[in-house]
Amino acid sequence: MVDIRIKELYHGTTKEGAKSILNMGFNLPKWNFNQTSFQKKPGTLGYGVYAFSQIYICKKYISEKIRSETAVILIRLNLEDMNILDLTNEEHNEIYQKFREKFMNLPIFKSLCRELRNGNQSELEGIMLEHLIKRYSEDFFGIEQCDCVKSWTVSVLSDTMNSNVPNGLEYCIRNVQKIKEVELWKEG
């Protein structure tokens, strides 16, 4: 019997990274909201542990993006009582789009654009999501803490041909306490 409260996800990493995760768990960066420079920039969905719901896209992603030996961590995520900002949900997505439009007119946006000179849209999206979550989760979504962000994403891979059609369903796990277990994924 399948437990629908548990979602299996796939996190690609190096073999060394996998050993560290299995031994010590995931280590999430902290971010100071009053700064516009970063030691580690957020991904498209903000700061957290990124995982795909499809093994195929995870394996393809790490084969193209990681230059050393790779491994896949199987994450069993406990969905029970989890606060998810679900950008596949039309209502959540509309709230984000309206926030994004307002955020782009704020002085901090211009500062961020200068800091991120390469204009990396995914980093800007991640920063905007961080601001939305930190400042407005309770007002807009009725949640005190956002445990996870879920969205269809476009991972730029050799076969995406600059497509805007999402090629993966990604989860950005912000609350690692919601991870029930992790193990090294094995083919078959």
N, C-alpha and C. Protein backbone atom coordinates (compact mmCIF):
# COMPACT_ATOMS: atom_id res chain seq x y z
N MET A 1 0.83 -1.18 0.00
CA MET A 1 0.00 0.00 0.00
C MET A 1 0.89 1.25 0.00
N VAL A 2 0.53 2.22 -0.82
CA VAL A 2 1.28 3.46 -0.94
C VAL A 2 0.77 4.47 0.10
N ASP A 3 1.71 5.08 0.82
CA ASP A 3 1.37 6.10 1.80
C ASP A 3 1.34 7.45 1.10
N ILE A 4 0.16 8.02 0.89
CA ILE A 4 0.05 9.27 0.13
C ILE A 4 0.56 10.48 0.91
N ARG A 5 0.85 10.31 2.18
CA ARG A 5 1.41 11.41 2.98
C ARG A 5 2.91 11.55 2.77
N ILE A 6 3.51 10.56 2.12
CA ILE A 6 4.95 10.58 1.86
C ILE A 6 5.18 10.73 0.35
N LYS A 7 5.98 11.73 -0.02
CA LYS A 7 6.31 11.97 -1.42
C LYS A 7 7.77 11.61 -1.64
N GLU A 8 8.02 10.77 -2.63
CA GLU A 8 9.39 10.41 -2.97
C GLU A 8 9.94 11.39 -3.99
N LEU A 9 11.12 11.95 -3.67
CA LEU A 9 11.77 12.94 -4.52
C LEU A 9 13.22 12.55 -4.73
N TYR A 10 13.85 13.14 -5.75
CA TYR A 10 15.21 12.77 -6.12
C TYR A 10 16.11 14.00 -6.14
N HIS A 11 17.19 13.93 -5.36
CA HIS A 11 18.15 15.03 -5.25
C HIS A 11 19.48 14.57 -5.82
N GLY A 12 19.93 15.22 -6.89
CA GLY A 12 21.20 14.87 -7.50
C GLY A 12 22.35 15.63 -6.87
N THR A 13 23.48 14.95 -6.72
CA THR A 13 24.65 15.57 -6.09
C THR A 13 25.90 14.80 -6.49
N THR A 14 27.03 15.22 -5.95
CA THR A 14 28.27 14.47 -6.16
C THR A 14 28.29 13.27 -5.22
N LYS A 15 29.17 12.32 -5.49
CA LYS A 15 29.29 11.17 -4.58
C LYS A 15 29.71 11.63 -3.19
N GLU A 16 30.64 12.60 -3.13
CA GLU A 16 31.08 13.14 -1.84
C GLU A 16 29.93 13.84 -1.13
N GLY A 17 29.14 14.62 -1.89
CA GLY A 17 27.98 15.30 -1.33
C GLY A 17 26.98 14.30 -0.76
N ALA A 18 26.78 13.20 -1.47
CA ALA A 18 25.84 12.16 -1.02
C ALA A 18 26.31 11.56 0.31
N LYS A 19 27.61 11.30 0.42
CA LYS A 19 28.15 10.75 1.68
C LYS A 19 27.87 11.71 2.84
N SER A 20 28.12 12.99 2.59
CA SER A 20 27.90 14.01 3.62
C SER A 20 26.42 14.08 4.02
N ILE A 21 25.53 14.07 3.05
CA ILE A 21 24.10 14.14 3.32
C ILE A 21 23.65 12.92 4.12
N LEU A 22 24.11 11.74 3.72
CA LEU A 22 23.71 10.51 4.43
C LEU A 22 24.24 10.49 5.85
N ASN A 23 25.42 11.07 6.08
CA ASN A 23 26.02 11.08 7.42
C ASN A 23 25.54 12.22 8.31
N MET A 24 25.35 13.42 7.71
CA MET A 24 25.08 14.59 8.54
C MET A 24 23.79 15.33 8.19
N GLY A 25 23.10 14.91 7.15
CA GLY A 25 21.88 15.59 6.74
C GLY A 25 22.17 16.77 5.83
N PHE A 26 21.13 17.49 5.50
CA PHE A 26 21.26 18.66 4.62
C PHE A 26 21.61 19.90 5.42
N ASN A 27 22.43 20.77 4.84
CA ASN A 27 22.84 22.02 5.46
C ASN A 27 22.30 23.17 4.62
N LEU A 28 21.37 23.95 5.19
CA LEU A 28 20.76 25.05 4.45
C LEU A 28 21.44 26.37 4.79
N PRO A 29 21.66 27.22 3.76
CA PRO A 29 22.27 28.53 4.03
C PRO A 29 21.27 29.47 4.71
N LYS A 30 21.80 30.42 5.45
CA LYS A 30 20.98 31.48 6.05
C LYS A 30 21.16 32.73 5.21
N TRP A 31 20.12 33.55 5.15
CA TRP A 31 20.19 34.76 4.34
C TRP A 31 19.74 35.95 5.14
N ASN A 32 20.51 37.03 5.05
CA ASN A 32 20.19 38.29 5.71
C ASN A 32 19.40 39.15 4.72
N PHE A 33 18.15 39.49 5.07
CA PHE A 33 17.28 40.22 4.16
C PHE A 33 17.68 41.67 3.95
N ASN A 34 18.63 42.16 4.73
CA ASN A 34 19.04 43.55 4.59
C ASN A 34 20.26 43.70 3.70
N GLN A 35 20.65 42.65 3.03
CA GLN A 35 21.82 42.74 2.17
C GLN A 35 21.43 42.44 0.73
N THR A 36 22.29 42.87 -0.18
CA THR A 36 22.06 42.56 -1.59
C THR A 36 23.25 41.81 -2.18
N SER A 37 24.21 41.40 -1.33
CA SER A 37 25.30 40.55 -1.82
C SER A 37 25.20 39.21 -1.09
N PHE A 38 25.66 38.17 -1.73
CA PHE A 38 25.39 36.82 -1.24
C PHE A 38 26.63 35.94 -1.33
N GLN A 39 26.81 35.09 -0.31
CA GLN A 39 27.84 34.06 -0.42
C GLN A 39 27.34 32.96 -1.35
N LYS A 40 26.11 32.55 -1.14
CA LYS A 40 25.47 31.55 -2.01
C LYS A 40 24.13 32.11 -2.44
N LYS A 41 23.97 32.25 -3.74
CA LYS A 41 22.73 32.82 -4.27
C LYS A 41 21.64 31.76 -4.28
N PRO A 42 20.38 32.18 -4.10
CA PRO A 42 19.29 31.20 -4.11
C PRO A 42 19.01 30.70 -5.52
N GLY A 43 18.38 29.55 -5.59
CA GLY A 43 17.90 29.04 -6.87
C GLY A 43 16.55 29.67 -7.20
N THR A 44 15.95 29.25 -8.27
CA THR A 44 14.69 29.81 -8.75
C THR A 44 13.60 29.81 -7.68
N LEU A 45 13.56 28.79 -6.85
CA LEU A 45 12.50 28.65 -5.84
C LEU A 45 12.97 29.09 -4.45
N GLY A 46 14.08 29.80 -4.38
CA GLY A 46 14.59 30.28 -3.10
C GLY A 46 15.62 29.33 -2.52
N TYR A 47 15.90 29.51 -1.23
CA TYR A 47 16.88 28.66 -0.54
C TYR A 47 16.20 27.38 -0.06
N GLY A 48 16.92 26.28 -0.20
CA GLY A 48 16.40 25.01 0.28
C GLY A 48 17.08 23.85 -0.43
N VAL A 49 16.59 22.66 -0.15
CA VAL A 49 17.07 21.44 -0.78
C VAL A 49 16.21 21.23 -2.02
N TYR A 50 16.84 21.20 -3.18
CA TYR A 50 16.12 21.03 -4.44
C TYR A 50 16.03 19.55 -4.80
N ALA A 51 14.84 19.15 -5.21
CA ALA A 51 14.63 17.76 -5.59
C ALA A 51 13.56 17.69 -6.68
N PHE A 52 13.73 16.77 -7.59
CA PHE A 52 12.76 16.55 -8.66
C PHE A 52 11.81 15.43 -8.26
N SER A 53 10.60 15.48 -8.80
CA SER A 53 9.68 14.38 -8.56
C SER A 53 9.90 13.26 -9.58
N GLN A 54 10.64 13.54 -10.65
CA GLN A 54 10.90 12.53 -11.68
C GLN A 54 12.39 12.15 -11.67
N ILE A 55 12.67 10.87 -11.56
CA ILE A 55 14.06 10.41 -11.55
C ILE A 55 14.73 10.70 -12.88
N TYR A 56 14.00 10.60 -13.97
CA TYR A 56 14.59 10.81 -15.30
C TYR A 56 15.25 12.19 -15.39
N ILE A 57 14.53 13.24 -15.00
CA ILE A 57 15.06 14.59 -15.14
C ILE A 57 16.20 14.83 -14.15
N CYS A 58 16.13 14.21 -12.98
CA CYS A 58 17.21 14.33 -12.00
C CYS A 58 18.51 13.73 -12.56
N LYS A 59 18.41 12.53 -13.12
CA LYS A 59 19.59 11.87 -13.68
C LYS A 59 20.16 12.65 -14.86
N LYS A 60 19.29 13.17 -15.70
CA LYS A 60 19.74 13.96 -16.85
C LYS A 60 20.41 15.25 -16.37
N TYR A 61 19.81 15.89 -15.38
CA TYR A 61 20.36 17.14 -14.84
C TYR A 61 21.78 16.92 -14.30
N ILE A 62 21.97 15.92 -13.45
CA ILE A 62 23.30 15.74 -12.87
C ILE A 62 24.32 15.26 -13.90
N SER A 63 23.87 14.49 -14.91
CA SER A 63 24.82 14.03 -15.93
C SER A 63 25.36 15.20 -16.75
N GLU A 64 24.56 16.28 -16.88
CA GLU A 64 24.99 17.43 -17.66
C GLU A 64 25.59 18.55 -16.82
N LYS A 65 25.25 18.63 -15.54
CA LYS A 65 25.64 19.78 -14.72
C LYS A 65 26.76 19.51 -13.73
N ILE A 66 26.97 18.26 -13.36
CA ILE A 66 27.99 17.93 -12.36
C ILE A 66 29.15 17.24 -13.06
N ARG A 67 30.35 17.76 -12.87
CA ARG A 67 31.53 17.28 -13.61
C ARG A 67 32.25 16.11 -12.92
N SER A 68 31.93 15.84 -11.67
CA SER A 68 32.58 14.72 -10.99
C SER A 68 31.59 13.56 -10.88
N GLU A 69 32.00 12.51 -10.16
CA GLU A 69 31.11 11.36 -9.99
C GLU A 69 29.84 11.78 -9.27
N THR A 70 28.72 11.25 -9.72
CA THR A 70 27.42 11.69 -9.20
C THR A 70 26.70 10.58 -8.43
N ALA A 71 25.70 11.02 -7.69
CA ALA A 71 24.83 10.10 -6.97
C ALA A 71 23.46 10.77 -6.85
N VAL A 72 22.46 9.95 -6.61
CA VAL A 72 21.10 10.46 -6.40
C VAL A 72 20.65 10.04 -5.01
N ILE A 73 20.16 11.03 -4.27
CA ILE A 73 19.59 10.77 -2.94
C ILE A 73 18.07 10.68 -3.09
N LEU A 74 17.51 9.59 -2.62
CA LEU A 74 16.06 9.45 -2.56
C LEU A 74 15.59 10.09 -1.26
N ILE A 75 14.71 11.07 -1.39
CA ILE A 75 14.16 11.78 -0.22
C ILE A 75 12.72 11.35 -0.05
N ARG A 76 12.38 10.94 1.14
CA ARG A 76 10.97 10.68 1.46
C ARG A 76 10.51 11.85 2.31
N LEU A 77 9.64 12.66 1.70
CA LEU A 77 9.18 13.90 2.31
C LEU A 77 7.81 13.67 2.95
N ASN A 78 7.70 14.06 4.20
CA ASN A 78 6.45 13.91 4.94
C ASN A 78 5.55 15.10 4.61
N LEU A 79 4.49 14.87 3.83
CA LEU A 79 3.58 15.93 3.41
C LEU A 79 2.53 16.28 4.46
N GLU A 80 2.40 15.45 5.48
CA GLU A 80 1.40 15.69 6.51
C GLU A 80 1.73 16.98 7.27
N ASP A 81 0.76 17.86 7.40
CA ASP A 81 0.92 19.14 8.10
C ASP A 81 2.04 20.00 7.52
N MET A 82 2.28 19.87 6.24
CA MET A 82 3.35 20.63 5.60
C MET A 82 2.76 21.87 4.93
N ASN A 83 3.40 23.02 5.16
CA ASN A 83 2.98 24.27 4.53
C ASN A 83 3.74 24.45 3.22
N ILE A 84 3.02 24.28 2.11
CA ILE A 84 3.65 24.32 0.79
C ILE A 84 3.15 25.54 0.02
N LEU A 85 4.10 26.33 -0.47
CA LEU A 85 3.78 27.37 -1.44
C LEU A 85 3.81 26.65 -2.78
N ASP A 86 2.64 26.39 -3.32
CA ASP A 86 2.49 25.55 -4.51
C ASP A 86 2.24 26.43 -5.73
N LEU A 87 3.28 26.69 -6.50
CA LEU A 87 3.15 27.55 -7.66
C LEU A 87 2.50 26.84 -8.84
N THR A 88 2.16 25.55 -8.69
CA THR A 88 1.33 24.87 -9.69
C THR A 88 -0.14 25.14 -9.42
N ASN A 89 -0.43 25.69 -8.25
CA ASN A 89 -1.79 26.08 -7.85
C ASN A 89 -2.05 27.48 -8.42
N GLU A 90 -3.15 27.64 -9.14
CA GLU A 90 -3.42 28.92 -9.81
C GLU A 90 -3.51 30.09 -8.84
N GLU A 91 -4.12 29.88 -7.70
CA GLU A 91 -4.27 30.97 -6.72
C GLU A 91 -2.90 31.40 -6.17
N HIS A 92 -2.08 30.42 -5.79
CA HIS A 92 -0.74 30.73 -5.28
C HIS A 92 0.09 31.43 -6.36
N ASN A 93 -0.01 30.94 -7.59
CA ASN A 93 0.76 31.51 -8.68
C ASN A 93 0.35 32.95 -8.95
N GLU A 94 -0.93 33.23 -8.91
CA GLU A 94 -1.40 34.60 -9.14
C GLU A 94 -0.90 35.55 -8.05
N ILE A 95 -0.92 35.10 -6.81
CA ILE A 95 -0.39 35.91 -5.71
C ILE A 95 1.08 36.22 -5.96
N TYR A 96 1.85 35.20 -6.35
CA TYR A 96 3.27 35.43 -6.62
C TYR A 96 3.46 36.40 -7.78
N GLN A 97 2.72 36.24 -8.86
CA GLN A 97 2.89 37.12 -10.02
C GLN A 97 2.59 38.58 -9.67
N LYS A 98 1.56 38.81 -8.88
CA LYS A 98 1.22 40.17 -8.47
C LYS A 98 2.30 40.75 -7.55
N PHE A 99 2.81 39.92 -6.63
CA PHE A 99 3.90 40.36 -5.75
C PHE A 99 5.14 40.70 -6.57
N ARG A 100 5.46 39.84 -7.51
CA ARG A 100 6.64 40.02 -8.37
C ARG A 100 6.57 41.35 -9.10
N GLU A 101 5.41 41.67 -9.65
CA GLU A 101 5.23 42.92 -10.37
C GLU A 101 5.50 44.12 -9.47
N LYS A 102 5.00 44.08 -8.23
CA LYS A 102 5.24 45.18 -7.28
C LYS A 102 6.70 45.23 -6.85
N PHE A 103 7.29 44.05 -6.60
CA PHE A 103 8.68 43.97 -6.14
C PHE A 103 9.64 44.59 -7.16
N MET A 104 9.34 44.41 -8.43
CA MET A 104 10.22 44.91 -9.49
C MET A 104 10.26 46.43 -9.54
N ASN A 105 9.34 47.09 -8.86
CA ASN A 105 9.33 48.55 -8.80
C ASN A 105 9.99 49.09 -7.53
N LEU A 106 10.47 48.23 -6.65
CA LEU A 106 11.10 48.66 -5.40
C LEU A 106 12.58 48.96 -5.62
N PRO A 107 13.15 49.88 -4.82
CA PRO A 107 14.58 50.19 -4.94
C PRO A 107 15.48 48.96 -4.76
N ILE A 108 15.09 48.03 -3.89
CA ILE A 108 15.94 46.85 -3.66
C ILE A 108 16.08 46.03 -4.94
N PHE A 109 15.07 46.03 -5.79
CA PHE A 109 15.16 45.28 -7.04
C PHE A 109 16.28 45.83 -7.91
N LYS A 110 16.37 47.13 -8.01
CA LYS A 110 17.43 47.75 -8.82
C LYS A 110 18.81 47.43 -8.23
N SER A 111 18.91 47.45 -6.89
CA SER A 111 20.17 47.08 -6.23
C SER A 111 20.54 45.63 -6.54
N LEU A 112 19.56 44.77 -6.49
CA LEU A 112 19.81 43.36 -6.78
C LEU A 112 20.25 43.16 -8.23
N CYS A 113 19.64 43.88 -9.14
CA CYS A 113 20.03 43.78 -10.55
C CYS A 113 21.49 44.20 -10.74
N ARG A 114 21.93 45.21 -10.00
CA ARG A 114 23.34 45.63 -10.08
C ARG A 114 24.24 44.54 -9.51
N GLU A 115 23.84 43.96 -8.38
CA GLU A 115 24.65 42.91 -7.75
C GLU A 115 24.72 41.67 -8.64
N LEU A 116 23.63 41.32 -9.24
CA LEU A 116 23.57 40.14 -10.11
C LEU A 116 23.76 40.61 -11.56
N ARG A 117 24.92 41.14 -11.84
CA ARG A 117 25.18 41.79 -13.13
C ARG A 117 24.89 40.91 -14.33
N ASN A 118 25.01 39.61 -14.16
CA ASN A 118 24.76 38.73 -15.29
C ASN A 118 23.27 38.60 -15.60
N GLY A 119 22.43 39.20 -14.76
CA GLY A 119 20.99 39.19 -15.03
C GLY A 119 20.36 37.81 -14.92
N ASN A 120 20.93 36.98 -14.08
CA ASN A 120 20.41 35.62 -13.93
C ASN A 120 18.98 35.66 -13.38
N GLN A 121 18.04 35.38 -14.23
CA GLN A 121 16.63 35.47 -13.86
C GLN A 121 16.28 34.51 -12.73
N SER A 122 16.85 33.32 -12.72
CA SER A 122 16.49 32.36 -11.67
C SER A 122 16.91 32.85 -10.29
N GLU A 123 18.07 33.53 -10.19
CA GLU A 123 18.50 34.08 -8.90
C GLU A 123 17.55 35.19 -8.46
N LEU A 124 17.16 36.05 -9.39
CA LEU A 124 16.22 37.12 -9.07
C LEU A 124 14.87 36.55 -8.62
N GLU A 125 14.40 35.53 -9.32
CA GLU A 125 13.14 34.88 -8.94
C GLU A 125 13.26 34.32 -7.52
N GLY A 126 14.38 33.67 -7.24
CA GLY A 126 14.59 33.10 -5.91
C GLY A 126 14.60 34.15 -4.82
N ILE A 127 15.23 35.28 -5.08
CA ILE A 127 15.27 36.36 -4.11
C ILE A 127 13.87 36.94 -3.89
N MET A 128 13.13 37.11 -4.98
CA MET A 128 11.77 37.62 -4.85
C MET A 128 10.90 36.66 -4.04
N LEU A 129 11.05 35.37 -4.29
CA LEU A 129 10.30 34.38 -3.50
C LEU A 129 10.70 34.43 -2.03
N GLU A 130 11.99 34.60 -1.76
CA GLU A 130 12.44 34.72 -0.38
C GLU A 130 11.76 35.89 0.32
N HIS A 131 11.68 37.03 -0.36
CA HIS A 131 11.01 38.20 0.21
C HIS A 131 9.53 37.93 0.44
N LEU A 132 8.87 37.33 -0.54
CA LEU A 132 7.45 37.01 -0.41
C LEU A 132 7.21 36.09 0.78
N ILE A 133 8.00 35.05 0.89
CA ILE A 133 7.83 34.06 1.96
C ILE A 133 8.13 34.68 3.32
N LYS A 134 9.25 35.39 3.41
CA LYS A 134 9.68 35.95 4.69
C LYS A 134 8.69 37.00 5.21
N ARG A 135 8.21 37.83 4.32
CA ARG A 135 7.41 38.97 4.75
C ARG A 135 5.90 38.78 4.67
N TYR A 136 5.42 37.89 3.80
CA TYR A 136 3.99 37.86 3.54
C TYR A 136 3.32 36.47 3.58
N SER A 137 4.03 35.44 3.98
CA SER A 137 3.43 34.09 3.99
C SER A 137 2.13 34.04 4.77
N GLU A 138 2.14 34.63 5.94
CA GLU A 138 0.94 34.57 6.79
C GLU A 138 -0.20 35.39 6.18
N ASP A 139 0.11 36.60 5.68
CA ASP A 139 -0.93 37.46 5.10
C ASP A 139 -1.54 36.86 3.84
N PHE A 140 -0.69 36.38 2.93
CA PHE A 140 -1.18 35.93 1.63
C PHE A 140 -1.61 34.47 1.60
N PHE A 141 -0.94 33.62 2.36
CA PHE A 141 -1.20 32.19 2.26
C PHE A 141 -1.75 31.57 3.55
N GLY A 142 -1.80 32.37 4.61
CA GLY A 142 -2.32 31.88 5.88
C GLY A 142 -1.40 30.89 6.58
N ILE A 143 -0.11 30.94 6.27
CA ILE A 143 0.85 30.03 6.91
C ILE A 143 1.93 30.84 7.60
N GLU A 144 2.34 30.37 8.77
CA GLU A 144 3.36 31.07 9.54
C GLU A 144 4.76 30.79 8.99
N GLN A 145 4.95 29.57 8.54
CA GLN A 145 6.26 29.16 8.02
C GLN A 145 6.04 28.39 6.73
N CYS A 146 6.82 28.69 5.71
CA CYS A 146 6.76 27.95 4.45
C CYS A 146 7.79 26.82 4.51
N ASP A 147 7.30 25.59 4.47
CA ASP A 147 8.18 24.42 4.57
C ASP A 147 8.77 24.01 3.22
N CYS A 148 8.07 24.39 2.15
CA CYS A 148 8.46 23.89 0.83
C CYS A 148 7.84 24.76 -0.26
N VAL A 149 8.56 24.92 -1.37
CA VAL A 149 8.03 25.57 -2.55
C VAL A 149 8.01 24.51 -3.66
N LYS A 150 6.90 24.45 -4.36
CA LYS A 150 6.72 23.45 -5.42
C LYS A 150 6.36 24.18 -6.71
N SER A 151 7.02 23.81 -7.82
CA SER A 151 6.72 24.45 -9.09
C SER A 151 7.20 23.59 -10.26
N TRP A 152 6.50 23.73 -11.38
CA TRP A 152 7.05 23.23 -12.64
C TRP A 152 8.19 24.17 -13.00
N THR A 153 9.32 23.61 -13.43
CA THR A 153 10.48 24.44 -13.76
C THR A 153 11.06 24.03 -15.11
N VAL A 154 11.87 24.92 -15.64
CA VAL A 154 12.62 24.64 -16.86
C VAL A 154 14.08 24.52 -16.47
N SER A 155 14.62 23.32 -16.49
CA SER A 155 16.05 23.12 -16.27
C SER A 155 16.70 23.14 -17.65
N VAL A 156 17.65 24.03 -17.83
CA VAL A 156 18.29 24.16 -19.14
C VAL A 156 19.22 22.98 -19.34
N LEU A 157 18.81 22.10 -20.24
CA LEU A 157 19.57 20.90 -20.55
C LEU A 157 19.79 20.83 -22.05
N SER A 158 20.56 19.85 -22.49
CA SER A 158 20.93 19.77 -23.91
C SER A 158 19.72 19.65 -24.84
N ASP A 159 18.62 19.12 -24.36
CA ASP A 159 17.47 18.91 -25.24
C ASP A 159 16.32 19.89 -25.02
N THR A 160 16.56 20.97 -24.26
CA THR A 160 15.46 21.91 -23.99
C THR A 160 15.29 22.94 -25.11
N MET A 161 16.29 23.15 -25.94
CA MET A 161 16.20 24.05 -27.10
C MET A 161 15.58 25.40 -26.73
N ASN A 162 16.03 25.98 -25.62
CA ASN A 162 15.49 27.27 -25.16
C ASN A 162 13.97 27.25 -24.99
N SER A 163 13.46 26.13 -24.58
CA SER A 163 12.03 25.96 -24.41
C SER A 163 11.53 26.66 -23.16
N ASN A 164 10.32 27.14 -23.21
CA ASN A 164 9.66 27.68 -22.03
C ASN A 164 8.69 26.67 -21.43
N VAL A 165 8.61 25.49 -22.02
CA VAL A 165 7.74 24.45 -21.48
C VAL A 165 8.49 23.74 -20.35
N PRO A 166 7.92 23.69 -19.16
CA PRO A 166 8.62 23.05 -18.03
C PRO A 166 8.98 21.60 -18.35
N ASN A 167 10.15 21.19 -17.86
CA ASN A 167 10.57 19.81 -18.06
C ASN A 167 10.70 19.05 -16.74
N GLY A 168 10.31 19.67 -15.65
CA GLY A 168 10.38 18.97 -14.37
C GLY A 168 9.51 19.61 -13.32
N LEU A 169 9.05 18.80 -12.39
CA LEU A 169 8.33 19.29 -11.22
C LEU A 169 9.35 19.28 -10.09
N GLU A 170 9.64 20.48 -9.58
CA GLU A 170 10.69 20.62 -8.57
C GLU A 170 10.12 21.04 -7.24
N TYR A 171 10.75 20.55 -6.20
CA TYR A 171 10.42 20.92 -4.83
C TYR A 171 11.65 21.56 -4.23
N CYS A 172 11.46 22.67 -3.55
CA CYS A 172 12.53 23.31 -2.79
C CYS A 172 12.15 23.16 -1.32
N ILE A 173 12.78 22.23 -0.64
CA ILE A 173 12.45 21.90 0.74
C ILE A 173 13.19 22.87 1.66
N ARG A 174 12.42 23.71 2.33
CA ARG A 174 12.98 24.74 3.20
C ARG A 174 13.07 24.28 4.66
N ASN A 175 12.24 23.33 5.02
CA ASN A 175 12.22 22.81 6.39
C ASN A 175 12.65 21.34 6.33
N VAL A 176 13.93 21.09 6.57
CA VAL A 176 14.45 19.72 6.45
C VAL A 176 13.90 18.79 7.52
N GLN A 177 13.27 19.34 8.55
CA GLN A 177 12.63 18.49 9.57
C GLN A 177 11.48 17.69 8.98
N LYS A 178 10.97 18.12 7.83
CA LYS A 178 9.86 17.43 7.17
C LYS A 178 10.34 16.24 6.33
N ILE A 179 11.66 16.09 6.22
CA ILE A 179 12.20 14.94 5.50
C ILE A 179 12.14 13.74 6.43
N LYS A 180 11.38 12.74 6.02
CA LYS A 180 11.21 11.54 6.85
C LYS A 180 12.48 10.69 6.83
N GLU A 181 13.03 10.49 5.63
CA GLU A 181 14.27 9.72 5.51
C GLU A 181 14.95 9.98 4.18
N VAL A 182 16.23 9.70 4.15
CA VAL A 182 17.01 9.79 2.92
C VAL A 182 17.81 8.50 2.76
N GLU A 183 18.02 8.14 1.52
CA GLU A 183 18.88 6.98 1.24
C GLU A 183 19.47 7.15 -0.16
N LEU A 184 20.52 6.43 -0.42
CA LEU A 184 21.13 6.45 -1.74
C LEU A 184 20.18 5.73 -2.70
N TRP A 185 19.82 6.41 -3.78
CA TRP A 185 18.90 5.80 -4.76
C TRP A 185 19.68 4.81 -5.60
N LYS A 186 19.07 3.67 -5.84
CA LYS A 186 19.68 2.63 -6.68
C LYS A 186 18.76 2.32 -7.84
N GLU A 187 19.34 2.23 -9.03
CA GLU A 187 18.57 1.92 -10.24
C GLU A 187 17.90 0.55 -10.09
N GLY A 188 16.66 0.48 -10.58
CA GLY A 188 15.98 -0.82 -10.63
C GLY A 188 15.11 -1.02 -9.52
